[in-house]
Every structure is written in structure tokens, then in C-alpha cells.
Amino acid sequence: MRRFWLAPVMLAGAVLYAGFDSESGLRAWANIRSELGASRERADATQAEIDRLALASRRLHGDPFAMEAAIRVDLELSRPGETIVRFLDHDGSSAGNP
């Protein structure tokens, strides 16, 4: 009869230990699961950015006018005789040449 109660008591002790052990218990497992979710979200966001940049790259390689427009915006260049109009953001910083 005494051996019958030993197994449930040991099992309950192991469950309590696993629940309260901060290094390898259930809390650590929950933390790892939340970090995994955050990592997957960052990976998805990074993949979306890669896809967006790949599309922009394909457009630039296929369209000389798009390439010229991108260069002119990035380097803030204009052709002779053109007038550049700049719009300011609400905070007063320059939004660049759209």
C-alpha cells in the first residue's frame, strides 16, 4: 500500500518542480514560445521588405524612366531649367522630392 502512494507523490513533485523551475521549466518553455512567435513576425516582415525591394529592382532594370526618377529623387538632382518644389512634413523636416 505504501508503494502505491509513492508514485503519485513523486509525479506531483516533478510537475511542481517543472512548473516553478525558471531555467528549464514551464516558464522557460513559455518564454521560448513567445520569442519564437516574435522571431517569426520579424522574419515575415523582413521577407515582405525583400519582396518589395526585389519588385522595385525589377522595375528599375526594365524601365529607364523609373531609373532616372529614382536617381533624381535619391541624389536630389534636377535638369537645367527645372524648378524643384519641396513639401515639408508636419514636424518641419524635408520630405524630399516625391
PDB file of N, CA and C in Angstrom:
ATOM      1  N   MET A   1       0.814  -1.184   0.000  1.00  0.00           N
ATOM      2  CA  MET A   1       0.000   0.000   0.000  1.00  0.00           C
ATOM      3  C   MET A   1       0.869   1.264   0.000  1.00  0.00           C
ATOM      4  N   ARG A   2       1.976   1.200   0.694  1.00  0.00           N
ATOM      5  CA  ARG A   2       2.848   2.366   0.794  1.00  0.00           C
ATOM      6  C   ARG A   2       3.446   2.715  -0.570  1.00  0.00           C
ATOM      7  N   ARG A   3       3.761   1.741  -1.390  1.00  0.00           N
ATOM      8  CA  ARG A   3       4.333   1.984  -2.708  1.00  0.00           C
ATOM      9  C   ARG A   3       3.318   2.617  -3.644  1.00  0.00           C
ATOM     10  N   PHE A   4       2.064   2.359  -3.447  1.00  0.00           N
ATOM     11  CA  PHE A   4       1.024   2.936  -4.276  1.00  0.00           C
ATOM     12  C   PHE A   4       1.005   4.465  -4.174  1.00  0.00           C
ATOM     13  N   TRP A   5       1.212   5.028  -2.996  1.00  0.00           N
ATOM     14  CA  TRP A   5       1.196   6.469  -2.795  1.00  0.00           C
ATOM     15  C   TRP A   5       2.503   7.126  -3.188  1.00  0.00           C
ATOM     16  N   LEU A   6       3.578   6.390  -3.293  1.00  0.00           N
ATOM     17  CA  LEU A   6       4.883   6.961  -3.612  1.00  0.00           C
ATOM     18  C   LEU A   6       4.928   7.492  -5.050  1.00  0.00           C
ATOM     19  N   ALA A   7       4.370   6.773  -5.981  1.00  0.00           N
ATOM     20  CA  ALA A   7       4.405   7.197  -7.386  1.00  0.00           C
ATOM     21  C   ALA A   7       3.615   8.494  -7.613  1.00  0.00           C
ATOM     22  N   PRO A   8       2.383   8.627  -7.122  1.00  0.00           N
ATOM     23  CA  PRO A   8       1.677   9.896  -7.337  1.00  0.00           C
ATOM     24  C   PRO A   8       2.349  11.089  -6.654  1.00  0.00           C
ATOM     25  N   VAL A   9       2.939  10.849  -5.481  1.00  0.00           N
ATOM     26  CA  VAL A   9       3.622  11.937  -4.777  1.00  0.00           C
ATOM     27  C   VAL A   9       4.848  12.366  -5.572  1.00  0.00           C
ATOM     28  N   MET A  10       5.596  11.419  -6.109  1.00  0.00           N
ATOM     29  CA  MET A  10       6.778  11.760  -6.917  1.00  0.00           C
ATOM     30  C   MET A  10       6.368  12.470  -8.205  1.00  0.00           C
ATOM     31  N   LEU A  11       5.290  12.025  -8.807  1.00  0.00           N
ATOM     32  CA  LEU A  11       4.800  12.666 -10.022  1.00  0.00           C
ATOM     33  C   LEU A  11       4.360  14.099  -9.737  1.00  0.00           C
ATOM     34  N   ALA A  12       3.655  14.318  -8.645  1.00  0.00           N
ATOM     35  CA  ALA A  12       3.227  15.667  -8.273  1.00  0.00           C
ATOM     36  C   ALA A  12       4.437  16.552  -7.988  1.00  0.00           C
ATOM     37  N   GLY A  13       5.445  16.007  -7.344  1.00  0.00           N
ATOM     38  CA  GLY A  13       6.667  16.771  -7.077  1.00  0.00           C
ATOM     39  C   GLY A  13       7.384  17.157  -8.361  1.00  0.00           C
ATOM     40  N   ALA A  14       7.428  16.246  -9.315  1.00  0.00           N
ATOM     41  CA  ALA A  14       8.079  16.546 -10.596  1.00  0.00           C
ATOM     42  C   ALA A  14       7.317  17.622 -11.355  1.00  0.00           C
ATOM     43  N   VAL A  15       6.000  17.571 -11.325  1.00  0.00           N
ATOM     44  CA  VAL A  15       5.187  18.577 -12.006  1.00  0.00           C
ATOM     45  C   VAL A  15       5.378  19.944 -11.358  1.00  0.00           C
ATOM     46  N   LEU A  16       5.394  19.994 -10.043  1.00  0.00           N
ATOM     47  CA  LEU A  16       5.622  21.264  -9.348  1.00  0.00           C
ATOM     48  C   LEU A  16       7.009  21.813  -9.643  1.00  0.00           C
ATOM     49  N   TYR A  17       7.990  20.938  -9.649  1.00  0.00           N
ATOM     50  CA  TYR A  17       9.358  21.376  -9.955  1.00  0.00           C
ATOM     51  C   TYR A  17       9.422  21.941 -11.371  1.00  0.00           C
ATOM     52  N   ALA A  18       8.802  21.258 -12.330  1.00  0.00           N
ATOM     53  CA  ALA A  18       8.806  21.729 -13.716  1.00  0.00           C
ATOM     54  C   ALA A  18       8.065  23.051 -13.848  1.00  0.00           C
ATOM     55  N   GLY A  19       7.058  23.242 -13.062  1.00  0.00           N
ATOM     56  CA  GLY A  19       6.290  24.480 -13.135  1.00  0.00           C
ATOM     57  C   GLY A  19       7.016  25.680 -12.559  1.00  0.00           C
ATOM     58  N   PHE A  20       7.835  25.468 -11.543  1.00  0.00           N
ATOM     59  CA  PHE A  20       8.480  26.590 -10.870  1.00  0.00           C
ATOM     60  C   PHE A  20       9.954  26.757 -11.197  1.00  0.00           C
ATOM     61  N   ASP A  21      10.549  25.847 -11.939  1.00  0.00           N
ATOM     62  CA  ASP A  21      11.957  25.966 -12.296  1.00  0.00           C
ATOM     63  C   ASP A  21      12.099  27.012 -13.396  1.00  0.00           C
ATOM     64  N   SER A  22      12.810  28.106 -13.106  1.00  0.00           N
ATOM     65  CA  SER A  22      12.912  29.203 -14.068  1.00  0.00           C
ATOM     66  C   SER A  22      13.909  28.911 -15.191  1.00  0.00           C
ATOM     67  N   GLU A  23      14.802  27.991 -15.002  1.00  0.00           N
ATOM     68  CA  GLU A  23      15.815  27.689 -16.009  1.00  0.00           C
ATOM     69  C   GLU A  23      15.313  26.729 -17.086  1.00  0.00           C
ATOM     70  N   SER A  24      14.589  25.709 -16.672  1.00  0.00           N
ATOM     71  CA  SER A  24      14.189  24.700 -17.655  1.00  0.00           C
ATOM     72  C   SER A  24      12.739  24.265 -17.500  1.00  0.00           C
ATOM     73  N   GLY A  25      11.961  25.013 -16.788  1.00  0.00           N
ATOM     74  CA  GLY A  25      10.582  24.611 -16.528  1.00  0.00           C
ATOM     75  C   GLY A  25       9.597  25.165 -17.531  1.00  0.00           C
ATOM     76  N   LEU A  26       8.366  25.204 -17.116  1.00  0.00           N
ATOM     77  CA  LEU A  26       7.300  25.653 -17.999  1.00  0.00           C
ATOM     78  C   LEU A  26       7.407  27.136 -18.333  1.00  0.00           C
ATOM     79  N   ARG A  27       7.900  27.945 -17.406  1.00  0.00           N
ATOM     80  CA  ARG A  27       8.091  29.366 -17.698  1.00  0.00           C
ATOM     81  C   ARG A  27       9.122  29.567 -18.800  1.00  0.00           C
ATOM     82  N   ALA A  28      10.215  28.814 -18.724  1.00  0.00           N
ATOM     83  CA  ALA A  28      11.241  28.914 -19.768  1.00  0.00           C
ATOM     84  C   ALA A  28      10.656  28.489 -21.116  1.00  0.00           C
ATOM     85  N   TRP A  29       9.855  27.431 -21.104  1.00  0.00           N
ATOM     86  CA  TRP A  29       9.223  26.971 -22.341  1.00  0.00           C
ATOM     87  C   TRP A  29       8.287  28.047 -22.894  1.00  0.00           C
ATOM     88  N   ALA A  30       7.514  28.694 -22.032  1.00  0.00           N
ATOM     89  CA  ALA A  30       6.601  29.746 -22.478  1.00  0.00           C
ATOM     90  C   ALA A  30       7.370  30.936 -23.039  1.00  0.00           C
ATOM     91  N   ASN A  31       8.490  31.284 -22.396  1.00  0.00           N
ATOM     92  CA  ASN A  31       9.317  32.385 -22.899  1.00  0.00           C
ATOM     93  C   ASN A  31       9.886  32.056 -24.275  1.00  0.00           C
ATOM     94  N   ILE A  32      10.326  30.844 -24.438  1.00  0.00           N
ATOM     95  CA  ILE A  32      10.879  30.440 -25.730  1.00  0.00           C
ATOM     96  C   ILE A  32       9.796  30.472 -26.801  1.00  0.00           C
ATOM     97  N   ARG A  33       8.585  30.043 -26.459  1.00  0.00           N
ATOM     98  CA  ARG A  33       7.478  30.070 -27.425  1.00  0.00           C
ATOM     99  C   ARG A  33       7.142  31.508 -27.834  1.00  0.00           C
ATOM    100  N   SER A  34       7.151  32.440 -26.883  1.00  0.00           N
ATOM    101  CA  SER A  34       6.845  33.828 -27.232  1.00  0.00           C
ATOM    102  C   SER A  34       7.968  34.434 -28.075  1.00  0.00           C
ATOM    103  N   GLU A  35       9.218  34.093 -27.766  1.00  0.00           N
ATOM    104  CA  GLU A  35      10.339  34.564 -28.578  1.00  0.00           C
ATOM    105  C   GLU A  35      10.263  33.995 -29.990  1.00  0.00           C
ATOM    106  N   LEU A  36       9.837  32.749 -30.105  1.00  0.00           N
ATOM    107  CA  LEU A  36       9.680  32.139 -31.417  1.00  0.00           C
ATOM    108  C   LEU A  36       8.617  32.873 -32.229  1.00  0.00           C
ATOM    109  N   GLY A  37       7.518  33.231 -31.603  1.00  0.00           N
ATOM    110  CA  GLY A  37       6.468  33.987 -32.294  1.00  0.00           C
ATOM    111  C   GLY A  37       6.972  35.343 -32.765  1.00  0.00           C
ATOM    112  N   ALA A  38       7.704  36.031 -31.903  1.00  0.00           N
ATOM    113  CA  ALA A  38       8.256  37.340 -32.277  1.00  0.00           C
ATOM    114  C   ALA A  38       9.270  37.191 -33.407  1.00  0.00           C
ATOM    115  N   SER A  39      10.070  36.143 -33.359  1.00  0.00           N
ATOM    116  CA  SER A  39      11.050  35.907 -34.421  1.00  0.00           C
ATOM    117  C   SER A  39      10.362  35.625 -35.747  1.00  0.00           C
ATOM    118  N   ARG A  40       9.278  34.879 -35.712  1.00  0.00           N
ATOM    119  CA  ARG A  40       8.542  34.601 -36.949  1.00  0.00           C
ATOM    120  C   ARG A  40       7.941  35.873 -37.528  1.00  0.00           C
ATOM    121  N   GLU A  41       7.436  36.760 -36.663  1.00  0.00           N
ATOM    122  CA  GLU A  41       6.895  38.031 -37.140  1.00  0.00           C
ATOM    123  C   GLU A  41       7.988  38.881 -37.777  1.00  0.00           C
ATOM    124  N   ARG A  42       9.177  38.921 -37.146  1.00  0.00           N
ATOM    125  CA  ARG A  42      10.291  39.679 -37.733  1.00  0.00           C
ATOM    126  C   ARG A  42      10.722  39.073 -39.056  1.00  0.00           C
ATOM    127  N   ALA A  43      10.744  37.752 -39.144  1.00  0.00           N
ATOM    128  CA  ALA A  43      11.122  37.089 -40.391  1.00  0.00           C
ATOM    129  C   ALA A  43      10.107  37.389 -41.489  1.00  0.00           C
ATOM    130  N   ASP A  44       8.820  37.390 -41.154  1.00  0.00           N
ATOM    131  CA  ASP A  44       7.789  37.713 -42.140  1.00  0.00           C
ATOM    132  C   ASP A  44       7.925  39.156 -42.617  1.00  0.00           C
ATOM    133  N   ALA A  45       8.189  40.073 -41.696  1.00  0.00           N
ATOM    134  CA  ALA A  45       8.357  41.479 -42.067  1.00  0.00           C
ATOM    135  C   ALA A  45       9.589  41.657 -42.951  1.00  0.00           C
ATOM    136  N   THR A  46      10.656  40.951 -42.619  1.00  0.00           N
ATOM    137  CA  THR A  46      11.875  41.027 -43.429  1.00  0.00           C
ATOM    138  C   THR A  46      11.633  40.459 -44.820  1.00  0.00           C
ATOM    139  N   GLN A  47      10.901  39.354 -44.905  1.00  0.00           N
ATOM    140  CA  GLN A  47      10.605  38.765 -46.211  1.00  0.00           C
ATOM    141  C   GLN A  47       9.734  39.702 -47.039  1.00  0.00           C
ATOM    142  N   ALA A  48       8.787  40.383 -46.423  1.00  0.00           N
ATOM    143  CA  ALA A  48       7.956  41.348 -47.143  1.00  0.00           C
ATOM    144  C   ALA A  48       8.805  42.495 -47.676  1.00  0.00           C
ATOM    145  N   GLU A  49       9.765  42.960 -46.891  1.00  0.00           N
ATOM    146  CA  GLU A  49      10.672  44.022 -47.336  1.00  0.00           C
ATOM    147  C   GLU A  49      11.544  43.539 -48.492  1.00  0.00           C
ATOM    148  N   ILE A  50      12.022  42.308 -48.413  1.00  0.00           N
ATOM    149  CA  ILE A  50      12.824  41.739 -49.508  1.00  0.00           C
ATOM    150  C   ILE A  50      11.993  41.667 -50.779  1.00  0.00           C
ATOM    151  N   ASP A  51      10.752  41.217 -50.666  1.00  0.00           N
ATOM    152  CA  ASP A  51       9.874  41.140 -51.835  1.00  0.00           C
ATOM    153  C   ASP A  51       9.623  42.519 -52.433  1.00  0.00           C
ATOM    154  N   ARG A  52       9.408  43.515 -51.566  1.00  0.00           N
ATOM    155  CA  ARG A  52       9.169  44.872 -52.045  1.00  0.00           C
ATOM    156  C   ARG A  52      10.394  45.417 -52.776  1.00  0.00           C
ATOM    157  N   LEU A  53      11.575  45.183 -52.213  1.00  0.00           N
ATOM    158  CA  LEU A  53      12.803  45.670 -52.841  1.00  0.00           C
ATOM    159  C   LEU A  53      13.104  44.932 -54.141  1.00  0.00           C
ATOM    160  N   ALA A  54      12.800  43.635 -54.200  1.00  0.00           N
ATOM    161  CA  ALA A  54      13.010  42.875 -55.428  1.00  0.00           C
ATOM    162  C   ALA A  54      12.105  43.397 -56.541  1.00  0.00           C
ATOM    163  N   LEU A  55      10.863  43.717 -56.214  1.00  0.00           N
ATOM    164  CA  LEU A  55       9.945  44.278 -57.200  1.00  0.00           C
ATOM    165  C   LEU A  55      10.439  45.637 -57.689  1.00  0.00           C
ATOM    166  N   ALA A  56      10.892  46.472 -56.764  1.00  0.00           N
ATOM    167  CA  ALA A  56      11.433  47.778 -57.151  1.00  0.00           C
ATOM    168  C   ALA A  56      12.666  47.613 -58.028  1.00  0.00           C
ATOM    169  N   SER A  57      13.502  46.647 -57.727  1.00  0.00           N
ATOM    170  CA  SER A  57      14.696  46.393 -58.525  1.00  0.00           C
ATOM    171  C   SER A  57      14.330  45.958 -59.939  1.00  0.00           C
ATOM    172  N   ARG A  58      13.344  45.060 -60.050  1.00  0.00           N
ATOM    173  CA  ARG A  58      12.915  44.620 -61.392  1.00  0.00           C
ATOM    174  C   ARG A  58      12.349  45.794 -62.187  1.00  0.00           C
ATOM    175  N   ARG A  59      11.606  46.665 -61.527  1.00  0.00           N
ATOM    176  CA  ARG A  59      11.047  47.829 -62.223  1.00  0.00           C
ATOM    177  C   ARG A  59      12.154  48.762 -62.710  1.00  0.00           C
ATOM    178  N   LEU A  60      13.179  48.949 -61.859  1.00  0.00           N
ATOM    179  CA  LEU A  60      14.270  49.845 -62.244  1.00  0.00           C
ATOM    180  C   LEU A  60      15.074  49.280 -63.409  1.00  0.00           C
ATOM    181  N   HIS A  61      15.274  47.980 -63.441  1.00  0.00           N
ATOM    182  CA  HIS A  61      16.050  47.382 -64.524  1.00  0.00           C
ATOM    183  C   HIS A  61      15.302  47.390 -65.849  1.00  0.00           C
ATOM    184  N   GLY A  62      13.991  47.381 -65.793  1.00  0.00           N
ATOM    185  CA  GLY A  62      13.214  47.312 -67.026  1.00  0.00           C
ATOM    186  C   GLY A  62      12.764  48.649 -67.560  1.00  0.00           C
ATOM    187  N   ASP A  63      12.858  49.701 -66.769  1.00  0.00           N
ATOM    188  CA  ASP A  63      12.303  50.990 -67.171  1.00  0.00           C
ATOM    189  C   ASP A  63      13.337  52.091 -66.961  1.00  0.00           C
ATOM    190  N   PRO A  64      13.915  52.625 -68.062  1.00  0.00           N
ATOM    191  CA  PRO A  64      14.935  53.669 -67.892  1.00  0.00           C
ATOM    192  C   PRO A  64      14.372  54.952 -67.263  1.00  0.00           C
ATOM    193  N   PHE A  65      13.094  55.248 -67.492  1.00  0.00           N
ATOM    194  CA  PHE A  65      12.499  56.440 -66.877  1.00  0.00           C
ATOM    195  C   PHE A  65      12.364  56.266 -65.360  1.00  0.00           C
ATOM    196  N   ALA A  66      12.018  55.064 -64.927  1.00  0.00           N
ATOM    197  CA  ALA A  66      11.935  54.804 -63.489  1.00  0.00           C
ATOM    198  C   ALA A  66      13.309  54.898 -62.849  1.00  0.00           C
ATOM    199  N   MET A  67      14.332  54.423 -63.565  1.00  0.00           N
ATOM    200  CA  MET A  67      15.693  54.503 -63.034  1.00  0.00           C
ATOM    201  C   MET A  67      16.115  55.960 -62.894  1.00  0.00           C
ATOM    202  N   GLU A  68      15.842  56.769 -63.906  1.00  0.00           N
ATOM    203  CA  GLU A  68      16.194  58.188 -63.839  1.00  0.00           C
ATOM    204  C   GLU A  68      15.448  58.880 -62.697  1.00  0.00           C
ATOM    205  N   ALA A  69      14.169  58.574 -62.544  1.00  0.00           N
ATOM    206  CA  ALA A  69      13.388  59.193 -61.467  1.00  0.00           C
ATOM    207  C   ALA A  69      13.944  58.809 -60.099  1.00  0.00           C
ATOM    208  N   ALA A  70      14.311  57.552 -59.922  1.00  0.00           N
ATOM    209  CA  ALA A  70      14.862  57.112 -58.630  1.00  0.00           C
ATOM    210  C   ALA A  70      16.187  57.803 -58.342  1.00  0.00           C
ATOM    211  N   ILE A  71      17.027  57.928 -59.354  1.00  0.00           N
ATOM    212  CA  ILE A  71      18.320  58.588 -59.166  1.00  0.00           C
ATOM    213  C   ILE A  71      18.109  60.059 -58.831  1.00  0.00           C
ATOM    214  N   ARG A  72      17.197  60.690 -59.530  1.00  0.00           N
ATOM    215  CA  ARG A  72      16.962  62.107 -59.292  1.00  0.00           C
ATOM    216  C   ARG A  72      16.406  62.350 -57.891  1.00  0.00           C
ATOM    217  N   VAL A  73      15.541  61.476 -57.421  1.00  0.00           N
ATOM    218  CA  VAL A  73      14.986  61.637 -56.073  1.00  0.00           C
ATOM    219  C   VAL A  73      16.060  61.386 -55.023  1.00  0.00           C
ATOM    220  N   ASP A  74      16.815  60.288 -55.181  1.00  0.00           N
ATOM    221  CA  ASP A  74      17.829  59.948 -54.167  1.00  0.00           C
ATOM    222  C   ASP A  74      18.938  60.983 -54.087  1.00  0.00           C
ATOM    223  N   LEU A  75      19.393  61.469 -55.235  1.00  0.00           N
ATOM    224  CA  LEU A  75      20.509  62.418 -55.246  1.00  0.00           C
ATOM    225  C   LEU A  75      20.055  63.869 -55.263  1.00  0.00           C
ATOM    226  N   GLU A  76      18.734  64.072 -55.281  1.00  0.00           N
ATOM    227  CA  GLU A  76      18.154  65.411 -55.307  1.00  0.00           C
ATOM    228  C   GLU A  76      18.702  66.230 -56.475  1.00  0.00           C
ATOM    229  N   LEU A  77      18.649  65.624 -57.658  1.00  0.00           N
ATOM    230  CA  LEU A  77      19.127  66.274 -58.869  1.00  0.00           C
ATOM    231  C   LEU A  77      17.954  66.794 -59.681  1.00  0.00           C
ATOM    232  N   SER A  78      18.250  67.758 -60.542  1.00  0.00           N
ATOM    233  CA  SER A  78      17.240  68.271 -61.470  1.00  0.00           C
ATOM    234  C   SER A  78      17.923  68.580 -62.792  1.00  0.00           C
ATOM    235  N   ARG A  79      17.122  68.671 -63.804  1.00  0.00           N
ATOM    236  CA  ARG A  79      17.643  69.048 -65.121  1.00  0.00           C
ATOM    237  C   ARG A  79      17.716  70.572 -65.194  1.00  0.00           C
ATOM    238  N   PRO A  80      18.556  71.060 -66.091  1.00  0.00           N
ATOM    239  CA  PRO A  80      18.631  72.520 -66.244  1.00  0.00           C
ATOM    240  C   PRO A  80      17.260  73.094 -66.617  1.00  0.00           C
ATOM    241  N   GLY A  81      16.879  74.157 -65.943  1.00  0.00           N
ATOM    242  CA  GLY A  81      15.616  74.814 -66.212  1.00  0.00           C
ATOM    243  C   GLY A  81      14.458  74.301 -65.373  1.00  0.00           C
ATOM    244  N   GLU A  82      14.629  73.198 -64.661  1.00  0.00           N
ATOM    245  CA  GLU A  82      13.561  72.664 -63.824  1.00  0.00           C
ATOM    246  C   GLU A  82      13.531  73.400 -62.491  1.00  0.00           C
ATOM    247  N   THR A  83      12.358  73.503 -61.933  1.00  0.00           N
ATOM    248  CA  THR A  83      12.188  74.092 -60.613  1.00  0.00           C
ATOM    249  C   THR A  83      11.784  72.997 -59.643  1.00  0.00           C
ATOM    250  N   ILE A  84      12.497  72.886 -58.545  1.00  0.00           N
ATOM    251  CA  ILE A  84      12.220  71.873 -57.527  1.00  0.00           C
ATOM    252  C   ILE A  84      11.317  72.480 -56.465  1.00  0.00           C
ATOM    253  N   VAL A  85      10.241  71.800 -56.164  1.00  0.00           N
ATOM    254  CA  VAL A  85       9.323  72.231 -55.110  1.00  0.00           C
ATOM    255  C   VAL A  85       9.391  71.187 -54.003  1.00  0.00           C
ATOM    256  N   ARG A  86       9.712  71.619 -52.799  1.00  0.00           N
ATOM    257  CA  ARG A  86       9.813  70.710 -51.662  1.00  0.00           C
ATOM    258  C   ARG A  86       8.620  70.915 -50.739  1.00  0.00           C
ATOM    259  N   PHE A  87       8.085  69.813 -50.254  1.00  0.00           N
ATOM    260  CA  PHE A  87       6.998  69.844 -49.296  1.00  0.00           C
ATOM    261  C   PHE A  87       7.540  69.427 -47.942  1.00  0.00           C
ATOM    262  N   LEU A  88       7.105  70.103 -46.900  1.00  0.00           N
ATOM    263  CA  LEU A  88       7.582  69.807 -45.562  1.00  0.00           C
ATOM    264  C   LEU A  88       6.578  68.928 -44.833  1.00  0.00           C
ATOM    265  N   ASP A  89       7.106  68.021 -43.994  1.00  0.00           N
ATOM    266  CA  ASP A  89       6.259  67.217 -43.122  1.00  0.00           C
ATOM    267  C   ASP A  89       5.681  68.113 -42.036  1.00  0.00           C
ATOM    268  N   HIS A  90       4.806  67.536 -41.232  1.00  0.00           N
ATOM    269  CA  HIS A  90       4.204  68.292 -40.137  1.00  0.00           C
ATOM    270  C   HIS A  90       5.242  68.739 -39.114  1.00  0.00           C
ATOM    271  N   ASP A  91       6.307  67.941 -38.955  1.00  0.00           N
ATOM    272  CA  ASP A  91       7.325  68.303 -37.968  1.00  0.00           C
ATOM    273  C   ASP A  91       8.327  69.307 -38.524  1.00  0.00           C
ATOM    274  N   GLY A  92       8.191  69.687 -39.805  1.00  0.00           N
ATOM    275  CA  GLY A  92       9.061  70.692 -40.369  1.00  0.00           C
ATOM    276  C   GLY A  92      10.261  70.130 -41.107  1.00  0.00           C
ATOM    277  N   SER A  93      10.468  68.838 -41.089  1.00  0.00           N
ATOM    278  CA  SER A  93      11.597  68.259 -41.796  1.00  0.00           C
ATOM    279  C   SER A  93      11.238  68.087 -43.265  1.00  0.00           C
ATOM    280  N   SER A  94      12.237  68.027 -44.088  1.00  0.00           N
ATOM    281  CA  SER A  94      12.020  67.917 -45.528  1.00  0.00           C
ATOM    282  C   SER A  94      11.566  66.512 -45.889  1.00  0.00           C
ATOM    283  N   ALA A  95      10.556  66.419 -46.729  1.00  0.00           N
ATOM    284  CA  ALA A  95      10.058  65.110 -47.169  1.00  0.00           C
ATOM    285  C   ALA A  95      10.789  64.661 -48.425  1.00  0.00           C
ATOM    286  N   GLY A  96      11.631  65.479 -48.986  1.00  0.00           N
ATOM    287  CA  GLY A  96      12.336  65.125 -50.212  1.00  0.00           C
ATOM    288  C   GLY A  96      11.467  65.423 -51.423  1.00  0.00           C
ATOM    289  N   ASN A  97      11.987  65.134 -52.555  1.00  0.00           N
ATOM    290  CA  ASN A  97      11.290  65.379 -53.809  1.00  0.00           C
ATOM    291  C   ASN A  97      10.496  64.150 -54.184  1.00  0.00           C
ATOM    292  N   PRO A  98       9.179  64.180 -54.104  1.00  0.00           N
ATOM    293  CA  PRO A  98       8.401  62.977 -54.402  1.00  0.00           C
ATOM    294  C   PRO A  98       8.449  62.710 -55.838  1.00  0.00           C
TER     295      PRO A  98
END
